[in-house]
Amino acid sequence: MVDINRLKVFLHAACTSNFSETAQVFNISQPTVSKYIHDLEVELGIVLFERSGTHISLTDAGKTLFPWIRKVIYQSNEL
């Protein structure tokens, strides 16, 4: 089962294209953000972000998944 916290971290990182900023917002370390994203990628069997040095951007799979994850987060907040 996919962890909702990993989805929230993914969503913020996708919106900001910044793991460090995401870490600050969630009050966790940047390596923890990287681990959450990596674990989510392994669990889903897809690569969500292209990584180039300190720059990240969504892959095509990440772009496809983004609105679905946003919907899941919204619905979980409504629940």
PDB file of N, CA and C in Angstrom:
ATOM      1  N   MET A   1       0.841  -1.174   0.000  1.00  0.00           N
ATOM      2  CA  MET A   1       0.000   0.000   0.000  1.00  0.00           C
ATOM      3  C   MET A   1       0.892   1.244   0.000  1.00  0.00           C
ATOM      4  N   VAL A   2       0.551   2.196  -0.809  1.00  0.00           N
ATOM      5  CA  VAL A   2       1.326   3.426  -0.927  1.00  0.00           C
ATOM      6  C   VAL A   2       1.088   4.309   0.296  1.00  0.00           C
ATOM      7  N   ASP A   3       2.171   4.826   0.853  1.00  0.00           N
ATOM      8  CA  ASP A   3       2.125   5.693   2.034  1.00  0.00           C
ATOM      9  C   ASP A   3       1.696   7.103   1.618  1.00  0.00           C
ATOM     10  N   ILE A   4       0.642   7.623   2.252  1.00  0.00           N
ATOM     11  CA  ILE A   4       0.111   8.945   1.918  1.00  0.00           C
ATOM     12  C   ILE A   4       1.154  10.037   2.151  1.00  0.00           C
ATOM     13  N   ASN A   5       2.027   9.861   3.148  1.00  0.00           N
ATOM     14  CA  ASN A   5       3.067  10.867   3.395  1.00  0.00           C
ATOM     15  C   ASN A   5       4.055  10.942   2.240  1.00  0.00           C
ATOM     16  N   ARG A   6       4.383   9.819   1.659  1.00  0.00           N
ATOM     17  CA  ARG A   6       5.263   9.815   0.481  1.00  0.00           C
ATOM     18  C   ARG A   6       4.597  10.543  -0.683  1.00  0.00           C
ATOM     19  N   LEU A   7       3.298  10.351  -0.824  1.00  0.00           N
ATOM     20  CA  LEU A   7       2.568  11.039  -1.889  1.00  0.00           C
ATOM     21  C   LEU A   7       2.573  12.548  -1.664  1.00  0.00           C
ATOM     22  N   LYS A   8       2.396  12.972  -0.426  1.00  0.00           N
ATOM     23  CA  LYS A   8       2.428  14.405  -0.115  1.00  0.00           C
ATOM     24  C   LYS A   8       3.805  14.991  -0.396  1.00  0.00           C
ATOM     25  N   VAL A   9       4.845  14.268  -0.038  1.00  0.00           N
ATOM     26  CA  VAL A   9       6.212  14.714  -0.313  1.00  0.00           C
ATOM     27  C   VAL A   9       6.433  14.790  -1.823  1.00  0.00           C
ATOM     28  N   PHE A  10       5.994  13.771  -2.552  1.00  0.00           N
ATOM     29  CA  PHE A  10       6.101  13.797  -4.009  1.00  0.00           C
ATOM     30  C   PHE A  10       5.413  15.033  -4.576  1.00  0.00           C
ATOM     31  N   LEU A  11       4.189  15.284  -4.142  1.00  0.00           N
ATOM     32  CA  LEU A  11       3.401  16.386  -4.675  1.00  0.00           C
ATOM     33  C   LEU A  11       4.108  17.718  -4.457  1.00  0.00           C
ATOM     34  N   HIS A  12       4.631  17.929  -3.252  1.00  0.00           N
ATOM     35  CA  HIS A  12       5.322  19.190  -2.971  1.00  0.00           C
ATOM     36  C   HIS A  12       6.608  19.299  -3.780  1.00  0.00           C
ATOM     37  N   ALA A  13       7.360  18.219  -3.841  1.00  0.00           N
ATOM     38  CA  ALA A  13       8.607  18.232  -4.610  1.00  0.00           C
ATOM     39  C   ALA A  13       8.320  18.476  -6.091  1.00  0.00           C
ATOM     40  N   ALA A  14       7.248  17.912  -6.595  1.00  0.00           N
ATOM     41  CA  ALA A  14       6.878  18.114  -7.996  1.00  0.00           C
ATOM     42  C   ALA A  14       6.485  19.569  -8.253  1.00  0.00           C
ATOM     43  N   CYS A  15       5.817  20.185  -7.293  1.00  0.00           N
ATOM     44  CA  CYS A  15       5.391  21.581  -7.456  1.00  0.00           C
ATOM     45  C   CYS A  15       6.557  22.552  -7.368  1.00  0.00           C
ATOM     46  N   THR A  16       7.530  22.242  -6.530  1.00  0.00           N
ATOM     47  CA  THR A  16       8.638  23.173  -6.298  1.00  0.00           C
ATOM     48  C   THR A  16       9.906  22.811  -7.061  1.00  0.00           C
ATOM     49  N   SER A  17       9.985  21.586  -7.547  1.00  0.00           N
ATOM     50  CA  SER A  17      11.220  21.062  -8.175  1.00  0.00           C
ATOM     51  C   SER A  17      12.419  21.253  -7.251  1.00  0.00           C
ATOM     52  N   ASN A  18      12.178  20.999  -5.958  1.00  0.00           N
ATOM     53  CA  ASN A  18      13.236  21.248  -4.980  1.00  0.00           C
ATOM     54  C   ASN A  18      13.060  20.324  -3.772  1.00  0.00           C
ATOM     55  N   PHE A  19      13.966  19.345  -3.632  1.00  0.00           N
ATOM     56  CA  PHE A  19      13.903  18.425  -2.494  1.00  0.00           C
ATOM     57  C   PHE A  19      14.246  19.125  -1.187  1.00  0.00           C
ATOM     58  N   SER A  20      15.162  20.087  -1.216  1.00  0.00           N
ATOM     59  CA  SER A  20      15.564  20.781   0.011  1.00  0.00           C
ATOM     60  C   SER A  20      14.415  21.605   0.574  1.00  0.00           C
ATOM     61  N   GLU A  21      13.720  22.324  -0.288  1.00  0.00           N
ATOM     62  CA  GLU A  21      12.569  23.111   0.160  1.00  0.00           C
ATOM     63  C   GLU A  21      11.469  22.195   0.691  1.00  0.00           C
ATOM     64  N   THR A  22      11.270  21.076   0.016  1.00  0.00           N
ATOM     65  CA  THR A  22      10.277  20.102   0.469  1.00  0.00           C
ATOM     66  C   THR A  22      10.627  19.595   1.860  1.00  0.00           C
ATOM     67  N   ALA A  23      11.901  19.332   2.087  1.00  0.00           N
ATOM     68  CA  ALA A  23      12.356  18.865   3.400  1.00  0.00           C
ATOM     69  C   ALA A  23      12.034  19.898   4.479  1.00  0.00           C
ATOM     70  N   GLN A  24      12.269  21.164   4.182  1.00  0.00           N
ATOM     71  CA  GLN A  24      11.989  22.222   5.161  1.00  0.00           C
ATOM     72  C   GLN A  24      10.502  22.303   5.476  1.00  0.00           C
ATOM     73  N   VAL A  25       9.676  22.226   4.460  1.00  0.00           N
ATOM     74  CA  VAL A  25       8.223  22.315   4.656  1.00  0.00           C
ATOM     75  C   VAL A  25       7.707  21.168   5.512  1.00  0.00           C
ATOM     76  N   PHE A  26       8.241  19.959   5.302  1.00  0.00           N
ATOM     77  CA  PHE A  26       7.771  18.788   6.033  1.00  0.00           C
ATOM     78  C   PHE A  26       8.576  18.533   7.313  1.00  0.00           C
ATOM     79  N   ASN A  27       9.550  19.419   7.572  1.00  0.00           N
ATOM     80  CA  ASN A  27      10.377  19.302   8.773  1.00  0.00           C
ATOM     81  C   ASN A  27      11.080  17.943   8.855  1.00  0.00           C
ATOM     82  N   ILE A  28      11.641  17.540   7.709  1.00  0.00           N
ATOM     83  CA  ILE A  28      12.426  16.317   7.617  1.00  0.00           C
ATOM     84  C   ILE A  28      13.722  16.656   6.893  1.00  0.00           C
ATOM     85  N   SER A  29      14.664  15.745   6.876  1.00  0.00           N
ATOM     86  CA  SER A  29      15.930  16.010   6.200  1.00  0.00           C
ATOM     87  C   SER A  29      15.779  15.811   4.688  1.00  0.00           C
ATOM     88  N   GLN A  30      16.681  16.437   3.931  1.00  0.00           N
ATOM     89  CA  GLN A  30      16.675  16.268   2.476  1.00  0.00           C
ATOM     90  C   GLN A  30      16.922  14.807   2.096  1.00  0.00           C
ATOM     91  N   PRO A  31      17.846  14.094   2.773  1.00  0.00           N
ATOM     92  CA  PRO A  31      17.997  12.672   2.454  1.00  0.00           C
ATOM     93  C   PRO A  31      16.709  11.861   2.692  1.00  0.00           C
ATOM     94  N   THR A  32      15.914  12.263   3.663  1.00  0.00           N
ATOM     95  CA  THR A  32      14.645  11.579   3.905  1.00  0.00           C
ATOM     96  C   THR A  32      13.690  11.811   2.742  1.00  0.00           C
ATOM     97  N   VAL A  33      13.660  13.031   2.218  1.00  0.00           N
ATOM     98  CA  VAL A  33      12.836  13.312   1.032  1.00  0.00           C
ATOM     99  C   VAL A  33      13.284  12.421  -0.120  1.00  0.00           C
ATOM    100  N   SER A  34      14.594  12.364  -0.345  1.00  0.00           N
ATOM    101  CA  SER A  34      15.127  11.518  -1.423  1.00  0.00           C
ATOM    102  C   SER A  34      14.730  10.062  -1.224  1.00  0.00           C
ATOM    103  N   LYS A  35      14.785   9.593   0.025  1.00  0.00           N
ATOM    104  CA  LYS A  35      14.406   8.201   0.320  1.00  0.00           C
ATOM    105  C   LYS A  35      12.916   7.981   0.072  1.00  0.00           C
ATOM    106  N   TYR A  36      12.083   8.908   0.519  1.00  0.00           N
ATOM    107  CA  TYR A  36      10.641   8.787   0.273  1.00  0.00           C
ATOM    108  C   TYR A  36      10.354   8.677  -1.219  1.00  0.00           C
ATOM    109  N   ILE A  37      10.991   9.540  -2.008  1.00  0.00           N
ATOM    110  CA  ILE A  37      10.771   9.531  -3.450  1.00  0.00           C
ATOM    111  C   ILE A  37      11.291   8.222  -4.055  1.00  0.00           C
ATOM    112  N   HIS A  38      12.471   7.819  -3.641  1.00  0.00           N
ATOM    113  CA  HIS A  38      13.045   6.565  -4.139  1.00  0.00           C
ATOM    114  C   HIS A  38      12.136   5.381  -3.787  1.00  0.00           C
ATOM    115  N   ASP A  39      11.679   5.318  -2.535  1.00  0.00           N
ATOM    116  CA  ASP A  39      10.795   4.223  -2.107  1.00  0.00           C
ATOM    117  C   ASP A  39       9.502   4.215  -2.912  1.00  0.00           C
ATOM    118  N   LEU A  40       8.959   5.399  -3.177  1.00  0.00           N
ATOM    119  CA  LEU A  40       7.734   5.498  -3.972  1.00  0.00           C
ATOM    120  C   LEU A  40       7.992   5.014  -5.399  1.00  0.00           C
ATOM    121  N   GLU A  41       9.135   5.408  -5.964  1.00  0.00           N
ATOM    122  CA  GLU A  41       9.491   4.959  -7.309  1.00  0.00           C
ATOM    123  C   GLU A  41       9.629   3.438  -7.371  1.00  0.00           C
ATOM    124  N   VAL A  42      10.258   2.862  -6.357  1.00  0.00           N
ATOM    125  CA  VAL A  42      10.418   1.402  -6.310  1.00  0.00           C
ATOM    126  C   VAL A  42       9.055   0.729  -6.175  1.00  0.00           C
ATOM    127  N   GLU A  43       8.232   1.253  -5.291  1.00  0.00           N
ATOM    128  CA  GLU A  43       6.919   0.652  -5.060  1.00  0.00           C
ATOM    129  C   GLU A  43       6.046   0.709  -6.318  1.00  0.00           C
ATOM    130  N   LEU A  44       6.123   1.826  -7.043  1.00  0.00           N
ATOM    131  CA  LEU A  44       5.310   1.989  -8.247  1.00  0.00           C
ATOM    132  C   LEU A  44       5.963   1.390  -9.491  1.00  0.00           C
ATOM    133  N   GLY A  45       7.261   1.154  -9.412  1.00  0.00           N
ATOM    134  CA  GLY A  45       7.980   0.583 -10.543  1.00  0.00           C
ATOM    135  C   GLY A  45       8.237   1.565 -11.674  1.00  0.00           C
ATOM    136  N   ILE A  46       8.301   2.853 -11.342  1.00  0.00           N
ATOM    137  CA  ILE A  46       8.560   3.895 -12.349  1.00  0.00           C
ATOM    138  C   ILE A  46       9.499   4.945 -11.765  1.00  0.00           C
ATOM    139  N   VAL A  47      10.162   5.661 -12.648  1.00  0.00           N
ATOM    140  CA  VAL A  47      10.997   6.790 -12.234  1.00  0.00           C
ATOM    141  C   VAL A  47      10.141   8.042 -12.327  1.00  0.00           C
ATOM    142  N   LEU A  48      10.054   8.789 -11.225  1.00  0.00           N
ATOM    143  CA  LEU A  48       9.194   9.969 -11.174  1.00  0.00           C
ATOM    144  C   LEU A  48       9.937  11.263 -11.493  1.00  0.00           C
ATOM    145  N   PHE A  49      11.225  11.316 -11.133  1.00  0.00           N
ATOM    146  CA  PHE A  49      12.008  12.537 -11.331  1.00  0.00           C
ATOM    147  C   PHE A  49      13.274  12.243 -12.118  1.00  0.00           C
ATOM    148  N   GLU A  50      13.625  13.168 -13.004  1.00  0.00           N
ATOM    149  CA  GLU A  50      14.939  13.168 -13.626  1.00  0.00           C
ATOM    150  C   GLU A  50      15.828  13.994 -12.707  1.00  0.00           C
ATOM    151  N   ARG A  51      16.997  13.465 -12.399  1.00  0.00           N
ATOM    152  CA  ARG A  51      17.911  14.152 -11.499  1.00  0.00           C
ATOM    153  C   ARG A  51      19.173  14.520 -12.277  1.00  0.00           C
ATOM    154  N   SER A  52      19.536  15.787 -12.193  1.00  0.00           N
ATOM    155  CA  SER A  52      20.737  16.277 -12.857  1.00  0.00           C
ATOM    156  C   SER A  52      21.447  17.222 -11.893  1.00  0.00           C
ATOM    157  N   GLY A  53      22.412  16.674 -11.152  1.00  0.00           N
ATOM    158  CA  GLY A  53      23.079  17.488 -10.129  1.00  0.00           C
ATOM    159  C   GLY A  53      22.083  17.873  -9.059  1.00  0.00           C
ATOM    160  N   THR A  54      21.897  19.169  -8.867  1.00  0.00           N
ATOM    161  CA  THR A  54      20.952  19.650  -7.857  1.00  0.00           C
ATOM    162  C   THR A  54      19.577  19.940  -8.459  1.00  0.00           C
ATOM    163  N   HIS A  55      19.433  19.789  -9.778  1.00  0.00           N
ATOM    164  CA  HIS A  55      18.171  20.080 -10.448  1.00  0.00           C
ATOM    165  C   HIS A  55      17.338  18.801 -10.590  1.00  0.00           C
ATOM    166  N   ILE A  56      16.046  18.916 -10.321  1.00  0.00           N
ATOM    167  CA  ILE A  56      15.120  17.798 -10.539  1.00  0.00           C
ATOM    168  C   ILE A  56      13.972  18.266 -11.416  1.00  0.00           C
ATOM    169  N   SER A  57      13.427  17.356 -12.178  1.00  0.00           N
ATOM    170  CA  SER A  57      12.226  17.641 -12.968  1.00  0.00           C
ATOM    171  C   SER A  57      11.446  16.341 -13.121  1.00  0.00           C
ATOM    172  N   LEU A  58      10.162  16.484 -13.315  1.00  0.00           N
ATOM    173  CA  LEU A  58       9.312  15.307 -13.466  1.00  0.00           C
ATOM    174  C   LEU A  58       9.594  14.592 -14.783  1.00  0.00           C
ATOM    175  N   THR A  59       9.602  13.283 -14.732  1.00  0.00           N
ATOM    176  CA  THR A  59       9.645  12.479 -15.944  1.00  0.00           C
ATOM    177  C   THR A  59       8.244  12.487 -16.561  1.00  0.00           C
ATOM    178  N   ASP A  60       8.110  11.910 -17.737  1.00  0.00           N
ATOM    179  CA  ASP A  60       6.778  11.795 -18.339  1.00  0.00           C
ATOM    180  C   ASP A  60       5.849  10.995 -17.429  1.00  0.00           C
ATOM    181  N   ALA A  61       6.383   9.940 -16.803  1.00  0.00           N
ATOM    182  CA  ALA A  61       5.571   9.137 -15.878  1.00  0.00           C
ATOM    183  C   ALA A  61       5.160   9.981 -14.672  1.00  0.00           C
ATOM    184  N   GLY A  62       6.085  10.787 -14.162  1.00  0.00           N
ATOM    185  CA  GLY A  62       5.772  11.672 -13.033  1.00  0.00           C
ATOM    186  C   GLY A  62       4.700  12.682 -13.399  1.00  0.00           C
ATOM    187  N   LYS A  63       4.793  13.228 -14.611  1.00  0.00           N
ATOM    188  CA  LYS A  63       3.786  14.188 -15.087  1.00  0.00           C
ATOM    189  C   LYS A  63       2.423  13.537 -15.224  1.00  0.00           C
ATOM    190  N   THR A  64       2.411  12.294 -15.661  1.00  0.00           N
ATOM    191  CA  THR A  64       1.150  11.562 -15.798  1.00  0.00           C
ATOM    192  C   THR A  64       0.544  11.263 -14.434  1.00  0.00           C
ATOM    193  N   LEU A  65       1.393  10.904 -13.487  1.00  0.00           N
ATOM    194  CA  LEU A  65       0.930  10.533 -12.152  1.00  0.00           C
ATOM    195  C   LEU A  65       0.520  11.739 -11.304  1.00  0.00           C
ATOM    196  N   PHE A  66       1.121  12.891 -11.571  1.00  0.00           N
ATOM    197  CA  PHE A  66       0.903  14.090 -10.757  1.00  0.00           C
ATOM    198  C   PHE A  66      -0.577  14.407 -10.501  1.00  0.00           C
ATOM    199  N   PRO A  67      -1.437  14.531 -11.525  1.00  0.00           N
ATOM    200  CA  PRO A  67      -2.840  14.870 -11.228  1.00  0.00           C
ATOM    201  C   PRO A  67      -3.565  13.789 -10.430  1.00  0.00           C
ATOM    202  N   TRP A  68      -3.172  12.542 -10.616  1.00  0.00           N
ATOM    203  CA  TRP A  68      -3.787  11.455  -9.853  1.00  0.00           C
ATOM    204  C   TRP A  68      -3.417  11.567  -8.376  1.00  0.00           C
ATOM    205  N   ILE A  69      -2.154  11.843  -8.126  1.00  0.00           N
ATOM    206  CA  ILE A  69      -1.713  11.976  -6.731  1.00  0.00           C
ATOM    207  C   ILE A  69      -2.349  13.200  -6.097  1.00  0.00           C
ATOM    208  N   ARG A  70      -2.437  14.291  -6.829  1.00  0.00           N
ATOM    209  CA  ARG A  70      -3.094  15.498  -6.300  1.00  0.00           C
ATOM    210  C   ARG A  70      -4.539  15.178  -5.918  1.00  0.00           C
ATOM    211  N   LYS A  71      -5.221  14.392  -6.750  1.00  0.00           N
ATOM    212  CA  LYS A  71      -6.609  14.006  -6.471  1.00  0.00           C
ATOM    213  C   LYS A  71      -6.691  13.126  -5.221  1.00  0.00           C
ATOM    214  N   VAL A  72      -5.777  12.178  -5.085  1.00  0.00           N
ATOM    215  CA  VAL A  72      -5.753  11.300  -3.906  1.00  0.00           C
ATOM    216  C   VAL A  72      -5.535  12.123  -2.635  1.00  0.00           C
ATOM    217  N   ILE A  73      -4.601  13.069  -2.674  1.00  0.00           N
ATOM    218  CA  ILE A  73      -4.326  13.914  -1.509  1.00  0.00           C
ATOM    219  C   ILE A  73      -5.554  14.747  -1.175  1.00  0.00           C
ATOM    220  N   TYR A  74      -6.168  15.342  -2.176  1.00  0.00           N
ATOM    221  CA  TYR A  74      -7.372  16.133  -1.951  1.00  0.00           C
ATOM    222  C   TYR A  74      -8.468  15.282  -1.314  1.00  0.00           C
ATOM    223  N   GLN A  75      -8.689  14.097  -1.870  1.00  0.00           N
ATOM    224  CA  GLN A  75      -9.746  13.233  -1.337  1.00  0.00           C
ATOM    225  C   GLN A  75      -9.424  12.756   0.074  1.00  0.00           C
ATOM    226  N   SER A  76      -8.158  12.495   0.369  1.00  0.00           N
ATOM    227  CA  SER A  76      -7.809  12.067   1.726  1.00  0.00           C
ATOM    228  C   SER A  76      -8.016  13.213   2.716  1.00  0.00           C
ATOM    229  N   ASN A  77      -7.776  14.452   2.279  1.00  0.00           N
ATOM    230  CA  ASN A  77      -8.043  15.602   3.151  1.00  0.00           C
ATOM    231  C   ASN A  77      -9.539  15.780   3.384  1.00  0.00           C
ATOM    232  N   GLU A  78     -10.337  15.531   2.350  1.00  0.00           N
ATOM    233  CA  GLU A  78     -11.783  15.620   2.484  1.00  0.00           C
ATOM    234  C   GLU A  78     -12.342  14.566   3.429  1.00  0.00           C
ATOM    235  N   LEU A  79     -11.738  13.392   3.404  1.00  0.00           N
ATOM    236  CA  LEU A  79     -12.177  12.298   4.265  1.00  0.00           C
ATOM    237  C   LEU A  79     -11.950  12.651   5.713  1.00  0.00           C
TER     238      LEU A  79
END
